[in-house]
Amino acid sequence: MGSVRDKVAVVTGAGSGIGRRLALELARRGARLALSDVDEAGLGETADQAKALGAEVHTARLDVADRQAVCDYADVVAEHFGVVHQIYNNAGVASSGSILEGDWDEYDHVLGINLYGVIHGTKAFLPHLVASGDGHVVNVSSLNGIMAQPGLSAYCASKFGVRGFTETLRAEMLSGGHPVQVTVVHPGGVRTNIATAAFERGAEKRPTTAAEQARMRTYNEKLLKLPAEQAARIVVDGVEAGKPRVLVGTDAKIIDLVVRLVPRFYPAALVRFGGKVLGSAD
């Protein structure tokens, strides 16, 4: 068992959702924080709340899809604190759209943030984590890094990619004898605005139907139930326990089991479930 107390922890996407709650949970446990987001207003609110909990906080606006910006940021954080122990590669966006009809731009946008953002953060900070002698990489995948869903191809591709990248990193840290632990996180339905933001972004490209709007409301009400603060506690508990894999929520645990037991049949069952619970988008 370890502790995050006095550790320098980097959290991307800290302006809202799970990222904000991770920052505040780490602050409660005595970590020193380097927080970033593209949303400077949301980031400022998170920083103020973390400082009120007694944490030392460094903030910076950061687009994790910008490789050079992330590399420069890693150097700034290391210089500011003198050491970096942990990075929580949390920044992410959701998406929607079929493979047949989806835009190339959507793939570039989602993969740039969700997958390359994780790769950028890991590679930029990894030398500093190794140098700390007590490093930890925490990469946030998703329930959709375990289970694929129709209409989420860009998102699923990014989150399966995060899972594969992180598991490879773990194997390399072990084989190389490096003092860096590695954790992949698979949140289930957490109550954040990530799905709604993706829906609204899609609505800017084309008008949405009343059925699609109703489906989105049902999705938020029925499937996104776990409070983000509870999700953050589960993640940080897992980090302190040295877990290589953290499933967040009962739904994530059930889906993980189902996919392992019946990988051939789960896609058809998922389509039926979606139609029954969410209704048609037509």
Protein backbone atom coordinates (compact mmCIF):
# COMPACT_ATOMS: atom_id res chain seq x y z
CA MET A 1 0.00 0.00 0.00
CA GLY A 2 1.27 3.44 -0.92
CA SER A 3 0.07 6.97 -0.32
CA VAL A 4 -0.37 10.05 -2.47
CA ARG A 5 0.51 12.35 0.43
CA ASP A 6 3.23 14.84 -0.56
CA LYS A 7 3.42 13.33 -4.06
CA VAL A 8 3.41 15.68 -7.04
CA ALA A 9 0.43 14.57 -9.12
CA VAL A 10 -0.38 15.83 -12.61
CA VAL A 11 -4.05 15.73 -13.67
CA THR A 12 -5.11 16.56 -17.23
CA GLY A 13 -8.68 17.51 -18.00
CA ALA A 14 -9.01 18.86 -14.47
CA GLY A 15 -11.55 21.56 -15.31
CA SER A 16 -14.63 19.38 -14.85
CA GLY A 17 -16.03 15.89 -14.40
CA ILE A 18 -13.81 13.08 -13.18
CA GLY A 19 -10.70 15.24 -13.63
CA ARG A 20 -11.95 17.86 -11.18
CA ARG A 21 -12.96 15.21 -8.67
CA LEU A 22 -9.61 13.46 -9.00
CA ALA A 23 -7.86 16.75 -8.28
CA LEU A 24 -10.00 17.37 -5.18
CA GLU A 25 -9.61 13.81 -3.90
CA LEU A 26 -5.84 14.06 -4.31
CA ALA A 27 -5.90 17.41 -2.52
CA ARG A 28 -7.80 15.89 0.42
CA ARG A 29 -5.13 13.21 0.69
CA GLY A 30 -2.29 15.70 0.77
CA ALA A 31 -0.91 15.61 -2.78
CA ARG A 32 0.69 18.57 -4.54
CA LEU A 33 -1.08 19.25 -7.79
CA ALA A 34 -0.27 20.24 -11.37
CA LEU A 35 -3.64 20.76 -13.05
CA SER A 36 -4.39 21.45 -16.70
CA ASP A 37 -7.34 21.81 -19.06
CA VAL A 38 -8.33 23.70 -22.21
CA ASP A 39 -11.17 25.26 -20.21
CA GLU A 40 -9.40 27.95 -18.22
CA ALA A 41 -12.53 29.03 -16.33
CA GLY A 42 -13.32 25.49 -15.19
CA LEU A 43 -9.67 24.91 -14.37
CA GLY A 44 -9.61 28.02 -12.20
CA GLU A 45 -12.65 26.80 -10.27
CA THR A 46 -10.99 23.43 -9.64
CA ALA A 47 -7.78 25.12 -8.52
CA ASP A 48 -9.63 27.37 -6.07
CA GLN A 49 -11.43 24.38 -4.54
CA ALA A 50 -8.19 22.41 -4.27
CA LYS A 51 -6.40 25.33 -2.62
CA ALA A 52 -9.25 25.63 -0.13
CA LEU A 53 -8.45 22.06 0.86
CA GLY A 54 -4.87 23.10 1.58
CA ALA A 55 -3.19 21.83 -1.59
CA GLU A 56 -0.29 23.44 -3.40
CA VAL A 57 -1.55 23.94 -6.96
CA HIS A 58 0.07 24.79 -10.29
CA THR A 59 -2.24 25.40 -13.24
CA ALA A 60 -1.79 25.70 -16.99
CA ARG A 61 -4.02 25.78 -20.03
CA LEU A 62 -3.11 22.68 -22.06
CA ASP A 63 -4.36 20.98 -25.20
CA VAL A 64 -3.20 17.38 -24.74
CA ALA A 65 -3.48 16.76 -28.49
CA ASP A 66 -0.60 19.23 -28.99
CA ARG A 67 2.52 17.08 -28.59
CA GLN A 68 5.04 19.90 -28.24
CA ALA A 69 2.83 21.74 -25.76
CA VAL A 70 2.63 18.63 -23.56
CA CYS A 71 6.40 18.09 -23.72
CA ASP A 72 7.01 21.72 -22.78
CA TYR A 73 4.46 21.44 -19.99
CA ALA A 74 6.21 18.41 -18.50
CA ASP A 75 9.45 20.40 -18.24
CA VAL A 76 7.63 23.36 -16.66
CA VAL A 77 5.99 21.16 -14.02
CA ALA A 78 9.25 19.37 -13.23
CA GLU A 79 11.06 22.68 -12.85
CA HIS A 80 8.30 24.14 -10.69
CA PHE A 81 8.10 21.27 -8.20
CA GLY A 82 11.58 19.80 -8.61
CA VAL A 83 10.09 16.32 -9.01
CA VAL A 84 7.02 14.62 -10.54
CA HIS A 85 5.65 11.38 -9.10
CA GLN A 86 2.30 10.74 -10.78
CA ILE A 87 0.36 11.58 -13.91
CA TYR A 88 -3.35 11.04 -14.34
CA ASN A 89 -3.96 11.14 -18.10
CA ASN A 90 -7.65 11.90 -17.77
CA ALA A 91 -8.49 14.49 -20.45
CA GLY A 92 -11.03 13.12 -22.91
CA VAL A 93 -14.03 13.74 -25.12
CA ALA A 94 -16.94 11.55 -26.18
CA SER A 95 -18.24 11.16 -29.71
CA SER A 96 -21.04 9.70 -31.76
CA GLY A 97 -21.66 8.73 -35.36
CA SER A 98 -21.59 5.60 -37.45
CA ILE A 99 -18.54 4.33 -39.32
CA LEU A 100 -20.45 4.46 -42.60
CA GLU A 101 -21.60 8.05 -42.22
CA GLY A 102 -19.09 9.52 -39.75
CA ASP A 103 -16.72 12.37 -40.58
CA TRP A 104 -12.96 11.96 -40.77
CA ASP A 105 -12.65 15.10 -38.64
CA GLU A 106 -14.42 13.34 -35.77
CA TYR A 107 -11.82 10.57 -35.74
CA ASP A 108 -8.98 13.09 -35.80
CA HIS A 109 -10.54 15.07 -32.96
CA VAL A 110 -11.33 12.14 -30.68
CA LEU A 111 -8.17 10.13 -31.28
CA GLY A 112 -6.05 13.26 -30.94
CA ILE A 113 -7.33 13.92 -27.42
CA ASN A 114 -8.29 10.50 -26.04
CA LEU A 115 -5.45 8.38 -27.41
CA TYR A 116 -2.63 10.69 -28.44
CA GLY A 117 -3.27 12.85 -25.39
CA VAL A 118 -2.55 9.82 -23.22
CA ILE A 119 0.51 8.89 -25.27
CA HIS A 120 1.81 12.47 -25.17
CA GLY A 121 1.33 12.77 -21.42
CA THR A 122 2.92 9.41 -20.71
CA LYS A 123 5.97 9.87 -22.89
CA ALA A 124 6.56 13.48 -21.82
CA PHE A 125 6.36 12.77 -18.09
CA LEU A 126 7.79 9.24 -17.98
CA PRO A 127 11.47 10.28 -17.65
CA HIS A 128 10.52 12.49 -14.70
CA LEU A 129 8.53 9.68 -13.08
CA VAL A 130 11.47 7.29 -13.44
CA ALA A 131 13.80 9.91 -11.95
CA SER A 132 11.49 10.33 -8.94
CA GLY A 133 12.17 6.74 -7.91
CA ASP A 134 8.49 6.29 -7.06
CA GLY A 135 6.47 7.01 -10.20
CA HIS A 136 2.94 6.10 -11.22
CA VAL A 137 1.14 6.45 -14.57
CA VAL A 138 -2.66 6.40 -14.39
CA ASN A 139 -4.36 6.29 -17.78
CA VAL A 140 -8.13 6.66 -18.00
CA SER A 141 -9.71 4.33 -20.53
CA SER A 142 -13.43 3.54 -20.29
CA LEU A 143 -16.06 0.87 -20.15
CA ASN A 144 -15.71 1.27 -23.92
CA GLY A 145 -12.12 0.11 -23.65
CA ILE A 146 -13.62 -3.26 -22.74
CA MET A 147 -16.84 -3.27 -24.75
CA ALA A 148 -17.55 -1.83 -28.20
CA GLN A 149 -20.85 -0.10 -28.96
CA PRO A 150 -22.53 0.89 -32.22
CA GLY A 151 -22.24 4.58 -33.00
CA LEU A 152 -19.11 5.05 -30.89
CA SER A 153 -16.36 3.82 -33.19
CA ALA A 154 -13.98 6.76 -32.69
CA TYR A 155 -14.45 6.71 -28.93
CA CYS A 156 -14.13 2.92 -28.64
CA ALA A 157 -11.03 2.89 -30.85
CA SER A 158 -9.41 5.54 -28.64
CA LYS A 159 -10.26 3.80 -25.37
CA PHE A 160 -9.25 0.32 -26.55
CA GLY A 161 -6.04 2.01 -27.69
CA VAL A 162 -5.47 3.50 -24.24
CA ARG A 163 -5.91 0.06 -22.72
CA GLY A 164 -3.41 -1.58 -25.07
CA PHE A 165 -0.88 1.25 -24.72
CA THR A 166 -1.11 1.17 -20.93
CA GLU A 167 -0.77 -2.59 -20.64
CA THR A 168 2.29 -2.43 -22.90
CA LEU A 169 3.73 0.31 -20.70
CA ARG A 170 3.20 -1.83 -17.61
CA ALA A 171 5.04 -4.74 -19.21
CA GLU A 172 7.93 -2.46 -20.22
CA MET A 173 8.25 -0.93 -16.76
CA LEU A 174 8.33 -4.42 -15.24
CA SER A 175 10.79 -5.86 -17.75
CA GLY A 176 13.04 -2.82 -17.47
CA GLY A 177 12.96 -2.77 -13.68
CA HIS A 178 11.85 0.87 -13.66
CA PRO A 179 10.37 2.33 -10.43
CA VAL A 180 7.07 3.24 -12.08
CA GLN A 181 3.71 1.61 -11.39
CA VAL A 182 1.07 1.64 -14.11
CA THR A 183 -2.72 1.65 -13.76
CA VAL A 184 -5.44 1.61 -16.40
CA VAL A 185 -8.85 2.88 -15.31
CA HIS A 186 -12.15 1.75 -16.83
CA PRO A 187 -15.00 3.99 -15.62
CA GLY A 188 -18.55 2.86 -16.25
CA GLY A 189 -21.50 5.24 -16.25
CA VAL A 190 -20.23 8.25 -14.31
CA ARG A 191 -22.40 11.34 -13.90
CA THR A 192 -20.51 13.94 -15.95
CA ASN A 193 -21.31 16.14 -18.95
CA ILE A 194 -18.98 14.34 -21.39
CA ALA A 195 -21.77 12.60 -23.34
CA THR A 196 -23.93 15.72 -23.47
CA ALA A 197 -20.99 17.79 -24.73
CA ALA A 198 -20.42 15.29 -27.56
CA PHE A 199 -24.11 15.35 -28.45
CA GLU A 200 -24.11 19.14 -28.56
CA ARG A 201 -20.97 19.17 -30.70
CA GLY A 202 -22.67 16.80 -33.15
CA ALA A 203 -25.78 18.98 -33.19
CA GLU A 204 -23.64 21.84 -34.50
CA LYS A 205 -22.94 19.79 -37.63
CA ARG A 206 -26.49 18.63 -38.30
CA PRO A 207 -29.94 19.10 -36.71
CA THR A 208 -30.90 16.43 -34.19
CA THR A 209 -34.28 14.76 -34.13
CA ALA A 210 -36.68 14.72 -31.19
CA ALA A 211 -36.06 10.97 -30.86
CA GLU A 212 -32.29 11.51 -30.65
CA GLN A 213 -32.75 14.18 -27.99
CA ALA A 214 -35.00 11.88 -25.97
CA ARG A 215 -32.46 9.07 -26.31
CA MET A 216 -29.73 11.35 -24.98
CA ARG A 217 -31.83 12.34 -21.97
CA THR A 218 -32.60 8.69 -21.21
CA TYR A 219 -28.91 7.78 -21.56
CA ASN A 220 -27.93 10.43 -19.00
CA GLU A 221 -30.72 9.55 -16.59
CA LYS A 222 -30.54 5.74 -16.71
CA LEU A 223 -26.90 4.92 -17.44
CA LEU A 224 -24.78 7.76 -16.00
CA LYS A 225 -25.51 7.26 -12.30
CA LEU A 226 -22.23 7.02 -10.38
CA PRO A 227 -21.27 10.37 -8.80
CA ALA A 228 -17.95 11.65 -10.11
CA GLU A 229 -16.62 12.16 -6.58
CA GLN A 230 -17.22 8.48 -5.81
CA ALA A 231 -15.49 7.50 -9.04
CA ALA A 232 -12.48 9.59 -8.03
CA ARG A 233 -12.27 7.90 -4.63
CA ILE A 234 -12.30 4.48 -6.30
CA VAL A 235 -9.50 5.53 -8.64
CA VAL A 236 -7.24 7.01 -5.96
CA ASP A 237 -7.92 4.05 -3.66
CA GLY A 238 -6.79 1.81 -6.52
CA VAL A 239 -3.67 3.87 -7.08
CA GLU A 240 -2.73 3.79 -3.41
CA ALA A 241 -3.31 0.02 -3.39
CA GLY A 242 -1.05 -0.39 -6.43
CA LYS A 243 -3.75 -1.95 -8.60
CA PRO A 244 -2.80 -2.39 -12.26
CA ARG A 245 -6.46 -2.21 -13.33
CA VAL A 246 -9.35 -0.31 -11.77
CA LEU A 247 -12.97 -0.96 -12.76
CA VAL A 248 -15.14 1.97 -11.67
CA GLY A 249 -18.76 1.10 -10.99
CA THR A 250 -20.88 -2.02 -10.87
CA ASP A 251 -21.71 -1.69 -14.56
CA ALA A 252 -18.02 -1.79 -15.50
CA LYS A 253 -17.50 -4.92 -13.41
CA ILE A 254 -20.53 -6.67 -14.91
CA ILE A 255 -19.67 -5.77 -18.50
CA ASP A 256 -16.07 -6.85 -18.00
CA LEU A 257 -17.29 -10.26 -16.85
CA VAL A 258 -19.86 -10.62 -19.64
CA VAL A 259 -17.38 -9.72 -22.37
CA ARG A 260 -14.88 -12.23 -21.01
CA LEU A 261 -17.47 -15.01 -20.74
CA VAL A 262 -19.36 -14.53 -24.01
CA PRO A 263 -17.26 -12.40 -26.37
CA ARG A 264 -19.01 -13.81 -29.42
CA PHE A 265 -22.53 -12.96 -28.32
CA TYR A 266 -22.28 -9.69 -26.42
CA PRO A 267 -22.57 -7.35 -29.46
CA ALA A 268 -26.01 -8.67 -30.43
CA ALA A 269 -27.14 -8.62 -26.79
CA LEU A 270 -25.89 -5.04 -26.49
CA VAL A 271 -27.89 -3.91 -29.53
CA ARG A 272 -31.06 -5.46 -28.09
CA PHE A 273 -30.40 -3.88 -24.70
CA GLY A 274 -29.84 -0.47 -26.25
CA GLY A 275 -33.06 -0.63 -28.21
CA LYS A 276 -35.03 -1.68 -25.15
CA VAL A 277 -33.56 0.78 -22.67
CA LEU A 278 -32.83 3.82 -24.84
CA GLY A 279 -35.31 3.37 -27.66
CA SER A 280 -34.74 4.04 -31.34
CA ALA A 281 -32.85 7.08 -32.56
CA ASP A 282 -34.91 7.17 -35.75
